[in-house]
N, C-alpha and C. Protein backbone atom coordinates (compact mmCIF):
# COMPACT_ATOMS: atom_id res chain seq x y z
N MET A 1 -6.03 -33.46 71.05
CA MET A 1 -6.95 -32.63 71.81
C MET A 1 -8.36 -33.23 71.70
N PRO A 2 -9.00 -33.51 72.82
CA PRO A 2 -10.32 -34.12 72.79
C PRO A 2 -11.39 -33.16 72.26
N VAL A 3 -12.40 -33.74 71.65
CA VAL A 3 -13.51 -32.96 71.10
C VAL A 3 -14.51 -32.69 72.22
N SER A 4 -15.02 -31.46 72.28
CA SER A 4 -15.95 -31.10 73.36
C SER A 4 -17.29 -31.80 73.16
N GLN A 5 -18.02 -31.94 74.27
CA GLN A 5 -19.34 -32.56 74.23
C GLN A 5 -20.29 -31.73 73.36
N GLN A 6 -20.13 -30.42 73.40
CA GLN A 6 -20.97 -29.52 72.60
C GLN A 6 -20.74 -29.77 71.10
N LYS A 7 -19.49 -29.97 70.71
CA LYS A 7 -19.14 -30.23 69.31
C LYS A 7 -19.71 -31.58 68.86
N ILE A 8 -19.63 -32.58 69.72
CA ILE A 8 -20.17 -33.91 69.41
C ILE A 8 -21.68 -33.83 69.19
N GLN A 9 -22.38 -33.10 70.06
CA GLN A 9 -23.84 -32.97 69.93
C GLN A 9 -24.20 -32.20 68.66
N ALA A 10 -23.44 -31.17 68.34
CA ALA A 10 -23.70 -30.41 67.11
C ALA A 10 -23.51 -31.31 65.89
N ASN A 11 -22.46 -32.13 65.89
CA ASN A 11 -22.22 -33.05 64.77
C ASN A 11 -23.35 -34.06 64.63
N ARG A 12 -23.86 -34.54 65.75
CA ARG A 12 -24.98 -35.50 65.71
C ARG A 12 -26.25 -34.85 65.16
N ARG A 13 -26.50 -33.61 65.56
CA ARG A 13 -27.68 -32.90 65.05
C ARG A 13 -27.56 -32.69 63.54
N ASN A 14 -26.38 -32.30 63.09
CA ASN A 14 -26.18 -32.08 61.66
C ASN A 14 -26.28 -33.39 60.87
N ALA A 15 -25.75 -34.47 61.43
CA ALA A 15 -25.81 -35.76 60.76
C ALA A 15 -27.25 -36.25 60.63
N ALA A 16 -28.08 -35.94 61.61
CA ALA A 16 -29.49 -36.35 61.56
C ALA A 16 -30.23 -35.65 60.42
N LYS A 17 -29.78 -34.48 60.04
CA LYS A 17 -30.40 -33.73 58.95
C LYS A 17 -29.98 -34.29 57.58
N SER A 18 -28.81 -34.89 57.49
CA SER A 18 -28.25 -35.37 56.24
C SER A 18 -28.58 -36.84 56.04
N THR A 19 -29.76 -37.09 55.53
CA THR A 19 -30.19 -38.48 55.36
C THR A 19 -30.01 -38.97 53.93
N GLY A 20 -29.47 -38.13 53.06
CA GLY A 20 -29.24 -38.55 51.68
C GLY A 20 -30.49 -38.42 50.84
N PRO A 21 -30.41 -38.89 49.61
CA PRO A 21 -31.56 -38.76 48.71
C PRO A 21 -32.73 -39.64 49.18
N ARG A 22 -33.93 -39.15 48.95
CA ARG A 22 -35.11 -39.88 49.40
C ARG A 22 -35.92 -40.44 48.24
N THR A 23 -35.89 -39.76 47.09
CA THR A 23 -36.68 -40.23 45.96
C THR A 23 -35.90 -41.28 45.18
N THR A 24 -36.62 -42.06 44.41
CA THR A 24 -35.97 -43.09 43.58
C THR A 24 -35.01 -42.43 42.60
N ARG A 25 -35.45 -41.34 42.00
CA ARG A 25 -34.60 -40.63 41.04
C ARG A 25 -33.32 -40.11 41.71
N GLY A 26 -33.47 -39.55 42.90
CA GLY A 26 -32.32 -39.04 43.64
C GLY A 26 -31.36 -40.14 44.03
N LYS A 27 -31.89 -41.29 44.39
CA LYS A 27 -31.05 -42.42 44.75
C LYS A 27 -30.29 -42.94 43.53
N GLN A 28 -30.98 -43.00 42.39
CA GLN A 28 -30.30 -43.44 41.16
C GLN A 28 -29.18 -42.48 40.79
N ARG A 29 -29.46 -41.21 40.91
CA ARG A 29 -28.45 -40.19 40.56
C ARG A 29 -27.24 -40.27 41.49
N SER A 30 -27.49 -40.39 42.79
CA SER A 30 -26.38 -40.42 43.73
C SER A 30 -25.59 -41.73 43.64
N SER A 31 -26.21 -42.78 43.11
CA SER A 31 -25.48 -44.04 42.98
C SER A 31 -24.35 -43.93 41.96
N ARG A 32 -24.40 -42.88 41.14
CA ARG A 32 -23.36 -42.68 40.11
C ARG A 32 -22.39 -41.56 40.48
N ASN A 33 -22.41 -41.11 41.72
CA ASN A 33 -21.56 -40.00 42.14
C ASN A 33 -20.08 -40.28 41.96
N ALA A 34 -19.66 -41.51 42.16
CA ALA A 34 -18.23 -41.83 42.12
C ALA A 34 -17.76 -42.23 40.73
N THR A 35 -18.61 -42.15 39.73
CA THR A 35 -18.22 -42.56 38.38
C THR A 35 -17.14 -41.64 37.85
N THR A 36 -16.05 -42.23 37.41
CA THR A 36 -14.97 -41.44 36.81
C THR A 36 -14.83 -41.83 35.35
N HIS A 37 -14.26 -42.99 35.09
CA HIS A 37 -14.06 -43.42 33.72
C HIS A 37 -15.12 -44.41 33.25
N GLY A 38 -15.86 -45.00 34.16
CA GLY A 38 -16.96 -45.88 33.79
C GLY A 38 -16.58 -47.31 33.47
N LEU A 39 -15.38 -47.74 33.80
CA LEU A 39 -14.99 -49.11 33.49
C LEU A 39 -15.59 -50.12 34.45
N TYR A 40 -15.84 -49.71 35.69
CA TYR A 40 -16.32 -50.66 36.69
C TYR A 40 -17.75 -50.35 37.13
N CYS A 41 -18.48 -49.64 36.32
CA CYS A 41 -19.84 -49.25 36.67
C CYS A 41 -20.80 -50.43 36.62
N GLN A 42 -21.81 -50.36 37.44
CA GLN A 42 -22.86 -51.38 37.42
C GLN A 42 -23.67 -51.25 36.13
N HIS A 43 -23.90 -50.03 35.68
CA HIS A 43 -24.68 -49.78 34.47
C HIS A 43 -23.74 -49.72 33.28
N LEU A 44 -24.11 -50.41 32.21
CA LEU A 44 -23.24 -50.46 31.04
C LEU A 44 -23.32 -49.17 30.24
N VAL A 45 -24.53 -48.67 30.01
CA VAL A 45 -24.71 -47.42 29.27
C VAL A 45 -24.90 -46.31 30.29
N LEU A 46 -23.97 -45.36 30.29
CA LEU A 46 -23.97 -44.29 31.28
C LEU A 46 -24.75 -43.08 30.77
N PRO A 47 -25.16 -42.19 31.68
CA PRO A 47 -25.80 -40.95 31.25
C PRO A 47 -24.88 -40.20 30.29
N GLY A 48 -25.47 -39.70 29.21
CA GLY A 48 -24.68 -39.02 28.20
C GLY A 48 -24.29 -39.94 27.05
N GLU A 49 -24.46 -41.24 27.24
CA GLU A 49 -24.20 -42.20 26.17
C GLU A 49 -25.54 -42.63 25.57
N SER A 50 -25.50 -43.09 24.35
CA SER A 50 -26.72 -43.44 23.63
C SER A 50 -27.06 -44.92 23.79
N GLU A 51 -28.20 -45.16 24.39
CA GLU A 51 -28.71 -46.53 24.50
C GLU A 51 -28.97 -47.11 23.12
N GLN A 52 -29.43 -46.26 22.22
CA GLN A 52 -29.74 -46.68 20.86
C GLN A 52 -28.47 -47.14 20.12
N ILE A 53 -27.38 -46.39 20.25
CA ILE A 53 -26.12 -46.77 19.61
C ILE A 53 -25.61 -48.07 20.21
N PHE A 54 -25.76 -48.21 21.53
CA PHE A 54 -25.35 -49.45 22.18
C PHE A 54 -26.13 -50.64 21.61
N GLN A 55 -27.43 -50.48 21.45
CA GLN A 55 -28.26 -51.58 20.92
C GLN A 55 -27.88 -51.92 19.48
N VAL A 56 -27.53 -50.91 18.69
CA VAL A 56 -27.09 -51.16 17.31
C VAL A 56 -25.78 -51.96 17.32
N LEU A 57 -24.85 -51.58 18.20
CA LEU A 57 -23.59 -52.31 18.33
C LEU A 57 -23.86 -53.76 18.74
N ARG A 58 -24.74 -53.95 19.71
CA ARG A 58 -25.06 -55.31 20.17
C ARG A 58 -25.68 -56.13 19.06
N GLU A 59 -26.62 -55.56 18.34
CA GLU A 59 -27.26 -56.29 17.24
C GLU A 59 -26.25 -56.67 16.17
N ALA A 60 -25.30 -55.78 15.88
CA ALA A 60 -24.27 -56.09 14.89
C ALA A 60 -23.43 -57.29 15.33
N TRP A 61 -23.05 -57.32 16.61
CA TRP A 61 -22.27 -58.46 17.12
C TRP A 61 -23.11 -59.73 17.09
N LEU A 62 -24.38 -59.63 17.44
CA LEU A 62 -25.25 -60.81 17.42
C LEU A 62 -25.40 -61.36 16.00
N LEU A 63 -25.56 -60.47 15.02
CA LEU A 63 -25.66 -60.91 13.63
C LEU A 63 -24.37 -61.55 13.15
N ARG A 64 -23.24 -60.94 13.52
CA ARG A 64 -21.94 -61.43 13.05
C ARG A 64 -21.60 -62.79 13.67
N LEU A 65 -21.85 -62.96 14.98
CA LEU A 65 -21.44 -64.18 15.66
C LEU A 65 -22.55 -65.22 15.79
N SER A 66 -23.79 -64.81 15.60
CA SER A 66 -24.99 -65.66 15.68
C SER A 66 -24.89 -66.77 16.74
N PRO A 67 -25.01 -66.37 18.01
CA PRO A 67 -24.94 -67.36 19.08
C PRO A 67 -26.07 -68.39 18.95
N GLN A 68 -25.75 -69.64 19.27
CA GLN A 68 -26.70 -70.74 19.10
C GLN A 68 -27.34 -71.20 20.41
N ASP A 69 -26.79 -70.77 21.53
CA ASP A 69 -27.37 -71.16 22.81
C ASP A 69 -27.10 -70.07 23.84
N VAL A 70 -27.55 -70.29 25.05
CA VAL A 70 -27.44 -69.28 26.11
C VAL A 70 -25.98 -68.98 26.43
N LEU A 71 -25.16 -70.00 26.46
CA LEU A 71 -23.74 -69.79 26.76
C LEU A 71 -23.08 -68.90 25.71
N GLU A 72 -23.35 -69.18 24.45
CA GLU A 72 -22.78 -68.36 23.38
C GLU A 72 -23.32 -66.93 23.44
N LEU A 73 -24.60 -66.78 23.78
CA LEU A 73 -25.18 -65.44 23.93
C LEU A 73 -24.49 -64.69 25.07
N LEU A 74 -24.21 -65.38 26.16
CA LEU A 74 -23.51 -64.78 27.28
C LEU A 74 -22.13 -64.30 26.85
N ILE A 75 -21.43 -65.11 26.07
CA ILE A 75 -20.10 -64.74 25.59
C ILE A 75 -20.18 -63.53 24.67
N VAL A 76 -21.16 -63.50 23.78
CA VAL A 76 -21.33 -62.35 22.88
C VAL A 76 -21.63 -61.09 23.69
N ASP A 77 -22.47 -61.21 24.70
CA ASP A 77 -22.77 -60.04 25.53
C ASP A 77 -21.53 -59.54 26.26
N ARG A 78 -20.65 -60.44 26.67
CA ARG A 78 -19.39 -60.02 27.29
C ARG A 78 -18.51 -59.29 26.28
N ILE A 79 -18.50 -59.76 25.05
CA ILE A 79 -17.73 -59.10 23.99
C ILE A 79 -18.29 -57.70 23.74
N VAL A 80 -19.61 -57.60 23.68
CA VAL A 80 -20.26 -56.30 23.46
C VAL A 80 -19.91 -55.34 24.59
N ALA A 81 -19.99 -55.81 25.83
CA ALA A 81 -19.68 -54.95 26.98
C ALA A 81 -18.23 -54.49 26.92
N ALA A 82 -17.33 -55.40 26.59
CA ALA A 82 -15.91 -55.04 26.51
C ALA A 82 -15.66 -54.04 25.39
N ALA A 83 -16.30 -54.24 24.24
CA ALA A 83 -16.14 -53.31 23.12
C ALA A 83 -16.68 -51.93 23.47
N TRP A 84 -17.82 -51.89 24.16
CA TRP A 84 -18.44 -50.61 24.56
C TRP A 84 -17.53 -49.86 25.54
N LYS A 85 -17.02 -50.58 26.52
CA LYS A 85 -16.15 -49.95 27.52
C LYS A 85 -14.83 -49.52 26.90
N LEU A 86 -14.33 -50.28 25.93
CA LEU A 86 -13.10 -49.90 25.25
C LEU A 86 -13.28 -48.60 24.47
N GLN A 87 -14.43 -48.45 23.82
CA GLN A 87 -14.72 -47.18 23.12
C GLN A 87 -14.75 -46.03 24.11
N ARG A 88 -15.38 -46.26 25.26
CA ARG A 88 -15.46 -45.22 26.29
C ARG A 88 -14.07 -44.85 26.79
N LEU A 89 -13.25 -45.85 27.02
CA LEU A 89 -11.89 -45.63 27.51
C LEU A 89 -11.05 -44.86 26.49
N GLN A 90 -11.20 -45.20 25.21
CA GLN A 90 -10.45 -44.49 24.17
C GLN A 90 -10.88 -43.03 24.09
N ALA A 91 -12.16 -42.76 24.25
CA ALA A 91 -12.63 -41.38 24.25
C ALA A 91 -12.09 -40.63 25.46
N ALA A 92 -12.10 -41.27 26.63
CA ALA A 92 -11.58 -40.64 27.84
C ALA A 92 -10.08 -40.39 27.71
N GLU A 93 -9.38 -41.32 27.11
CA GLU A 93 -7.94 -41.18 26.95
C GLU A 93 -7.60 -39.96 26.09
N SER A 94 -8.33 -39.78 25.00
CA SER A 94 -8.04 -38.63 24.14
C SER A 94 -8.36 -37.32 24.85
N LEU A 95 -9.41 -37.30 25.66
CA LEU A 95 -9.74 -36.09 26.42
C LEU A 95 -8.66 -35.78 27.45
N ILE A 96 -8.17 -36.82 28.12
CA ILE A 96 -7.12 -36.62 29.12
C ILE A 96 -5.86 -36.07 28.47
N HIS A 97 -5.49 -36.63 27.33
CA HIS A 97 -4.29 -36.15 26.63
C HIS A 97 -4.47 -34.70 26.17
N ALA A 98 -5.68 -34.37 25.70
CA ALA A 98 -5.95 -32.99 25.27
C ALA A 98 -5.83 -32.03 26.45
N GLN A 99 -6.34 -32.42 27.61
CA GLN A 99 -6.25 -31.57 28.79
C GLN A 99 -4.80 -31.40 29.23
N GLN A 100 -4.02 -32.47 29.19
CA GLN A 100 -2.62 -32.38 29.57
C GLN A 100 -1.85 -31.49 28.59
N ALA A 101 -2.15 -31.62 27.31
CA ALA A 101 -1.48 -30.79 26.32
C ALA A 101 -1.81 -29.32 26.54
N GLU A 102 -3.06 -29.03 26.88
CA GLU A 102 -3.47 -27.65 27.14
C GLU A 102 -2.74 -27.09 28.37
N ARG A 103 -2.63 -27.90 29.42
CA ARG A 103 -1.90 -27.46 30.62
C ARG A 103 -0.44 -27.20 30.31
N MET A 104 0.17 -28.09 29.53
CA MET A 104 1.58 -27.91 29.17
C MET A 104 1.76 -26.64 28.35
N TRP A 105 0.82 -26.36 27.43
CA TRP A 105 0.90 -25.16 26.60
C TRP A 105 0.79 -23.91 27.49
N GLU A 106 -0.13 -23.95 28.49
CA GLU A 106 -0.29 -22.81 29.40
C GLU A 106 0.98 -22.57 30.20
N VAL A 107 1.59 -23.64 30.70
CA VAL A 107 2.84 -23.52 31.47
C VAL A 107 3.93 -22.94 30.57
N GLU A 108 3.99 -23.42 29.34
CA GLU A 108 4.99 -22.93 28.39
C GLU A 108 4.80 -21.45 28.13
N GLN A 109 3.58 -21.01 27.95
CA GLN A 109 3.28 -19.59 27.71
C GLN A 109 3.68 -18.75 28.92
N LYS A 110 3.37 -19.26 30.10
CA LYS A 110 3.72 -18.54 31.32
C LYS A 110 5.24 -18.42 31.45
N ASP A 111 5.96 -19.49 31.15
CA ASP A 111 7.43 -19.47 31.21
C ASP A 111 7.99 -18.47 30.21
N ARG A 112 7.43 -18.42 29.01
CA ARG A 112 7.88 -17.46 27.99
C ARG A 112 7.64 -16.04 28.45
N GLN A 113 6.49 -15.81 29.06
CA GLN A 113 6.16 -14.46 29.55
C GLN A 113 7.16 -14.03 30.63
N GLN A 114 7.44 -14.96 31.53
CA GLN A 114 8.39 -14.64 32.61
C GLN A 114 9.79 -14.40 32.05
N ALA A 115 10.17 -15.14 31.04
CA ALA A 115 11.49 -14.97 30.43
C ALA A 115 11.60 -13.62 29.73
N GLU A 116 10.51 -13.17 29.12
CA GLU A 116 10.50 -11.87 28.43
C GLU A 116 10.58 -10.72 29.43
N GLU A 117 10.02 -10.92 30.60
CA GLU A 117 10.02 -9.85 31.62
C GLU A 117 11.36 -9.81 32.27
């Protein structure tokens, strides 16, 4: 079924009003709208994570591996990024399992209630 000309014009008027965020802060915030687990994010330290803890982790790796040139520093930074993301993934994994366990417990309780009735 074709869309009426009136509907098309209304959609265009509404689209003209929706120009997205205008401030720098709003643009930064909306750039993270699709963040789920944070493995493929442009930013390494996400909102809610500690920049300070990240820097301590990085310094520990730098002290332990003591890179001698830019290439080695690049490799250490890749190790730090991988370690940081792995910690994030492990935390997300435990939360997901906890949520699934809670859902299973709720279903089990509901089944027991129905069986008693």
